[in-house]
N, C-alpha and C. Protein backbone atom coordinates (compact mmCIF):
# COMPACT_ATOMS: atom_id res chain seq x y z
N MET A 1 -65.50 13.11 -76.38
CA MET A 1 -64.49 12.15 -76.53
C MET A 1 -65.15 10.79 -76.52
N ARG A 2 -64.70 9.90 -77.50
CA ARG A 2 -65.30 8.62 -77.64
C ARG A 2 -64.26 7.56 -77.56
N ALA A 3 -64.46 6.42 -77.03
CA ALA A 3 -63.50 5.34 -76.88
C ALA A 3 -64.06 4.14 -77.69
N SER A 4 -63.07 3.40 -78.21
CA SER A 4 -63.50 2.18 -78.94
C SER A 4 -63.77 1.04 -77.94
N VAL A 5 -64.26 -0.12 -78.44
CA VAL A 5 -64.78 -1.14 -77.63
C VAL A 5 -63.55 -1.97 -77.09
N ASN A 6 -62.46 -2.12 -77.84
CA ASN A 6 -61.35 -2.95 -77.48
C ASN A 6 -60.72 -2.39 -76.15
N PRO A 7 -60.74 -3.27 -75.08
CA PRO A 7 -60.38 -2.73 -73.81
C PRO A 7 -58.83 -2.43 -73.62
N THR A 8 -57.97 -3.03 -74.53
CA THR A 8 -56.57 -2.82 -74.43
C THR A 8 -56.16 -1.68 -75.41
N ARG A 9 -57.02 -1.12 -76.23
CA ARG A 9 -56.68 -0.08 -77.08
C ARG A 9 -57.86 0.91 -77.17
N GLN A 10 -57.67 2.12 -76.86
CA GLN A 10 -58.75 3.13 -76.85
C GLN A 10 -58.45 4.16 -77.94
N SER A 11 -59.40 4.68 -78.60
CA SER A 11 -59.19 5.74 -79.53
C SER A 11 -59.99 6.96 -78.89
N PHE A 12 -59.48 8.13 -79.14
CA PHE A 12 -60.04 9.37 -78.67
C PHE A 12 -60.13 10.37 -79.65
N ASP A 13 -61.22 11.18 -79.69
CA ASP A 13 -61.37 12.29 -80.49
C ASP A 13 -60.98 13.55 -79.69
N PHE A 14 -60.02 14.34 -80.09
CA PHE A 14 -59.50 15.50 -79.34
C PHE A 14 -60.22 16.73 -79.84
N ALA A 15 -60.79 17.49 -78.90
CA ALA A 15 -61.42 18.76 -79.32
C ALA A 15 -60.30 19.85 -79.56
N PRO A 16 -60.47 20.60 -80.57
CA PRO A 16 -59.52 21.67 -80.81
C PRO A 16 -59.51 22.68 -79.72
N LEU A 17 -58.37 23.38 -79.50
CA LEU A 17 -58.23 24.36 -78.51
C LEU A 17 -58.97 25.65 -79.02
N PRO A 18 -59.53 26.31 -78.06
CA PRO A 18 -60.16 27.63 -78.43
C PRO A 18 -59.13 28.64 -78.88
N THR A 19 -59.31 29.30 -79.93
CA THR A 19 -58.30 30.27 -80.40
C THR A 19 -58.28 31.51 -79.63
N ALA A 20 -59.39 31.84 -78.96
CA ALA A 20 -59.44 33.08 -78.16
C ALA A 20 -58.41 33.11 -77.11
N SER A 21 -58.11 32.05 -76.54
CA SER A 21 -57.10 31.98 -75.43
C SER A 21 -55.78 31.85 -75.83
N LEU A 22 -55.37 31.70 -77.10
CA LEU A 22 -54.01 31.58 -77.62
C LEU A 22 -53.40 32.86 -77.90
N ARG A 23 -52.04 32.92 -77.54
CA ARG A 23 -51.30 34.15 -77.80
C ARG A 23 -50.70 34.05 -79.22
N GLY A 24 -50.47 35.21 -79.83
CA GLY A 24 -49.71 35.20 -81.05
C GLY A 24 -50.68 35.37 -82.28
N SER A 25 -50.09 35.41 -83.49
CA SER A 25 -50.67 35.60 -84.73
C SER A 25 -51.54 34.33 -85.10
N LEU A 26 -52.71 34.59 -85.59
CA LEU A 26 -53.53 33.48 -86.07
C LEU A 26 -52.88 32.69 -87.18
N SER A 27 -52.15 33.39 -88.05
CA SER A 27 -51.47 32.72 -89.12
C SER A 27 -50.40 31.70 -88.68
N ARG A 28 -49.91 31.85 -87.49
CA ARG A 28 -49.00 30.84 -86.86
C ARG A 28 -49.60 29.81 -86.06
N MET A 29 -50.91 29.92 -85.85
CA MET A 29 -51.56 29.01 -84.91
C MET A 29 -51.62 27.57 -85.49
N LYS A 30 -51.42 26.58 -84.53
CA LYS A 30 -51.35 25.17 -84.87
C LYS A 30 -52.19 24.49 -83.83
N ALA A 31 -52.92 23.35 -84.27
CA ALA A 31 -53.66 22.56 -83.31
C ALA A 31 -52.65 21.66 -82.57
N MET A 32 -52.68 21.81 -81.22
CA MET A 32 -51.78 21.04 -80.46
C MET A 32 -52.51 19.74 -80.04
N SER A 33 -51.94 18.62 -80.21
CA SER A 33 -52.56 17.30 -79.79
C SER A 33 -51.80 16.83 -78.56
N TYR A 34 -52.39 16.36 -77.62
CA TYR A 34 -51.79 15.90 -76.33
C TYR A 34 -52.57 14.74 -75.70
N CYS A 35 -51.84 14.05 -74.84
CA CYS A 35 -52.54 13.08 -73.97
C CYS A 35 -52.38 13.46 -72.55
N VAL A 36 -53.27 13.06 -71.71
CA VAL A 36 -53.26 13.31 -70.29
C VAL A 36 -53.36 11.99 -69.55
N TYR A 37 -52.53 11.84 -68.49
CA TYR A 37 -52.61 10.68 -67.65
C TYR A 37 -52.27 11.00 -66.22
N ARG A 38 -52.69 10.10 -65.34
CA ARG A 38 -52.38 10.35 -63.96
C ARG A 38 -51.16 9.68 -63.52
N GLU A 39 -50.27 10.33 -62.82
CA GLU A 39 -49.04 9.82 -62.28
C GLU A 39 -48.93 10.23 -60.86
N ASP A 40 -49.24 9.31 -59.92
CA ASP A 40 -49.37 9.62 -58.43
C ASP A 40 -50.41 10.72 -58.26
N GLU A 41 -49.93 11.84 -57.64
CA GLU A 41 -50.92 12.82 -57.30
C GLU A 41 -51.06 13.92 -58.45
N PHE A 42 -50.32 13.77 -59.52
CA PHE A 42 -50.36 14.78 -60.61
C PHE A 42 -50.99 14.20 -61.87
N PHE A 43 -51.51 15.16 -62.68
CA PHE A 43 -51.93 14.81 -64.05
C PHE A 43 -50.81 15.24 -64.93
N VAL A 44 -50.30 14.33 -65.77
CA VAL A 44 -49.17 14.61 -66.72
C VAL A 44 -49.69 14.80 -68.11
N THR A 45 -49.35 15.81 -68.81
CA THR A 45 -49.72 16.03 -70.19
C THR A 45 -48.43 15.97 -71.15
N GLN A 46 -48.59 15.19 -72.18
CA GLN A 46 -47.61 15.02 -73.17
C GLN A 46 -48.01 15.53 -74.50
N CYS A 47 -47.36 16.49 -75.06
CA CYS A 47 -47.62 17.00 -76.42
C CYS A 47 -47.22 15.95 -77.39
N LEU A 48 -48.06 15.65 -78.42
CA LEU A 48 -47.77 14.62 -79.40
C LEU A 48 -47.14 15.31 -80.65
N ASN A 49 -47.15 16.63 -80.76
CA ASN A 49 -46.56 17.28 -81.94
C ASN A 49 -45.08 17.56 -81.82
N VAL A 50 -44.68 17.91 -80.54
CA VAL A 50 -43.26 18.16 -80.24
C VAL A 50 -42.99 17.41 -78.89
N ASP A 51 -41.69 17.24 -78.58
CA ASP A 51 -41.25 16.55 -77.36
C ASP A 51 -41.33 17.57 -76.15
N VAL A 52 -42.53 17.85 -75.72
CA VAL A 52 -42.71 18.69 -74.54
C VAL A 52 -43.76 18.07 -73.66
N SER A 53 -43.57 18.17 -72.37
CA SER A 53 -44.55 17.60 -71.48
C SER A 53 -44.66 18.62 -70.24
N SER A 54 -45.68 18.43 -69.40
CA SER A 54 -45.90 19.26 -68.29
C SER A 54 -46.84 18.47 -67.34
N PHE A 55 -47.20 19.14 -66.26
CA PHE A 55 -48.08 18.45 -65.26
C PHE A 55 -48.83 19.52 -64.50
N GLY A 56 -49.81 19.06 -63.68
CA GLY A 56 -50.52 19.95 -62.79
C GLY A 56 -51.37 19.20 -61.81
N SER A 57 -51.95 19.82 -60.87
CA SER A 57 -52.78 19.17 -59.86
C SER A 57 -54.16 18.70 -60.44
N THR A 58 -54.63 19.37 -61.39
CA THR A 58 -55.85 18.97 -62.12
C THR A 58 -55.65 18.83 -63.68
N ARG A 59 -56.53 18.19 -64.31
CA ARG A 59 -56.46 18.03 -65.76
C ARG A 59 -56.30 19.44 -66.43
N GLU A 60 -57.15 20.37 -66.02
CA GLU A 60 -57.16 21.71 -66.60
C GLU A 60 -55.86 22.43 -66.39
N GLU A 61 -55.30 22.30 -65.19
CA GLU A 61 -53.97 22.95 -64.91
C GLU A 61 -52.88 22.35 -65.75
N ALA A 62 -52.94 21.01 -65.86
CA ALA A 62 -51.89 20.31 -66.59
C ALA A 62 -51.93 20.69 -68.12
N VAL A 63 -53.14 20.88 -68.72
CA VAL A 63 -53.21 21.25 -70.06
C VAL A 63 -52.79 22.71 -70.28
N ALA A 64 -53.23 23.59 -69.29
CA ALA A 64 -52.72 25.07 -69.32
C ALA A 64 -51.22 25.12 -69.29
N ASN A 65 -50.73 24.29 -68.37
CA ASN A 65 -49.19 24.34 -68.18
C ASN A 65 -48.50 23.76 -69.47
N LEU A 66 -49.09 22.77 -70.18
CA LEU A 66 -48.50 22.23 -71.36
C LEU A 66 -48.58 23.30 -72.43
N LYS A 67 -49.70 23.94 -72.53
CA LYS A 67 -49.87 24.99 -73.56
C LYS A 67 -48.80 26.03 -73.36
N GLU A 68 -48.54 26.56 -72.13
CA GLU A 68 -47.58 27.50 -71.88
C GLU A 68 -46.17 26.92 -72.22
N ALA A 69 -45.97 25.76 -71.91
CA ALA A 69 -44.55 25.16 -72.16
C ALA A 69 -44.32 25.06 -73.67
N VAL A 70 -45.37 24.61 -74.49
CA VAL A 70 -45.15 24.54 -75.89
C VAL A 70 -44.99 25.84 -76.47
N GLU A 71 -45.80 26.92 -76.02
CA GLU A 71 -45.61 28.23 -76.54
C GLU A 71 -44.07 28.72 -76.27
N LEU A 72 -43.59 28.49 -75.03
CA LEU A 72 -42.25 28.92 -74.76
C LEU A 72 -41.23 28.11 -75.55
N TYR A 73 -41.56 26.85 -75.85
CA TYR A 73 -40.54 26.10 -76.69
C TYR A 73 -40.52 26.63 -78.10
N PHE A 74 -41.62 27.21 -78.59
CA PHE A 74 -41.60 27.80 -79.93
C PHE A 74 -41.20 29.29 -79.96
N GLU A 75 -41.02 29.94 -78.78
CA GLU A 75 -40.74 31.34 -78.73
C GLU A 75 -39.44 31.65 -79.36
N GLY A 76 -39.48 32.63 -80.34
CA GLY A 76 -38.19 32.93 -81.05
C GLY A 76 -37.89 32.12 -82.24
N GLU A 77 -38.55 31.05 -82.47
CA GLU A 77 -38.27 30.15 -83.59
C GLU A 77 -38.99 30.82 -84.90
N THR A 78 -38.35 30.68 -85.98
CA THR A 78 -38.96 31.14 -87.25
C THR A 78 -39.65 30.08 -87.97
N SER A 79 -39.18 28.88 -87.91
CA SER A 79 -39.89 27.77 -88.52
C SER A 79 -39.55 26.46 -87.71
N PRO A 80 -40.25 26.37 -86.50
CA PRO A 80 -40.07 25.33 -85.61
C PRO A 80 -40.59 23.98 -86.17
N PRO A 81 -39.97 22.88 -85.82
CA PRO A 81 -40.36 21.58 -86.17
C PRO A 81 -41.69 21.18 -85.52
N PHE A 82 -42.71 20.95 -86.18
CA PHE A 82 -43.99 20.70 -85.62
C PHE A 82 -44.69 19.64 -86.41
N THR A 83 -44.99 18.50 -85.85
CA THR A 83 -45.45 17.34 -86.55
C THR A 83 -47.01 17.38 -86.34
N ALA A 84 -47.73 17.39 -87.41
CA ALA A 84 -49.27 17.39 -87.35
C ALA A 84 -49.57 15.93 -86.97
N VAL A 85 -50.53 15.88 -86.07
CA VAL A 85 -50.96 14.47 -85.59
C VAL A 85 -52.46 14.27 -85.87
N SER A 86 -52.82 13.12 -86.32
CA SER A 86 -54.23 12.76 -86.52
C SER A 86 -54.40 11.35 -86.04
N ASP A 87 -55.65 10.95 -85.90
CA ASP A 87 -56.00 9.61 -85.47
C ASP A 87 -55.16 9.03 -84.35
N ALA A 88 -55.05 9.82 -83.23
CA ALA A 88 -54.34 9.46 -82.04
C ALA A 88 -55.14 8.40 -81.30
N SER A 89 -54.39 7.50 -80.71
CA SER A 89 -54.98 6.45 -79.83
C SER A 89 -54.08 6.08 -78.74
N ILE A 90 -54.64 5.59 -77.67
CA ILE A 90 -53.78 5.27 -76.50
C ILE A 90 -54.03 3.78 -76.35
N GLY A 91 -52.86 2.98 -76.24
CA GLY A 91 -52.89 1.54 -76.03
C GLY A 91 -52.27 1.17 -74.74
N GLN A 92 -52.53 -0.11 -74.34
CA GLN A 92 -51.87 -0.63 -73.19
C GLN A 92 -51.58 -2.17 -73.52
N GLU A 93 -50.38 -2.50 -73.28
CA GLU A 93 -49.89 -3.92 -73.53
C GLU A 93 -49.11 -4.32 -72.29
N MET A 94 -49.10 -5.56 -72.06
CA MET A 94 -48.24 -6.18 -70.97
C MET A 94 -46.83 -6.39 -71.52
N VAL A 95 -45.81 -6.09 -70.67
CA VAL A 95 -44.44 -6.25 -71.00
C VAL A 95 -43.72 -6.94 -69.84
N ASP A 96 -42.69 -7.65 -70.18
CA ASP A 96 -41.84 -8.31 -69.19
C ASP A 96 -40.86 -7.42 -68.66
N ALA A 97 -41.09 -6.71 -67.59
CA ALA A 97 -40.15 -5.69 -67.10
C ALA A 97 -39.85 -5.87 -65.66
């Protein structure tokens, strides 16, 4: 993973998921993009391809839980809506809230 120099906007390269641990047919396989962040005592994962999120006590657990949640989201769907994501970045801005 690499981050850019701008402290308020970071870019990350996401590693593809290993196909050996994925269920289902390889012809249906899609690369899931996600972000992970800390919220109190949990790590929260948000899928960037579909509106699904999950959490866990560790980053690894949060990602595994997200993977399972996304697979359940697509279960039984013949042509589910899946948005391919590239060039993902995470930014931070100040707001008056």
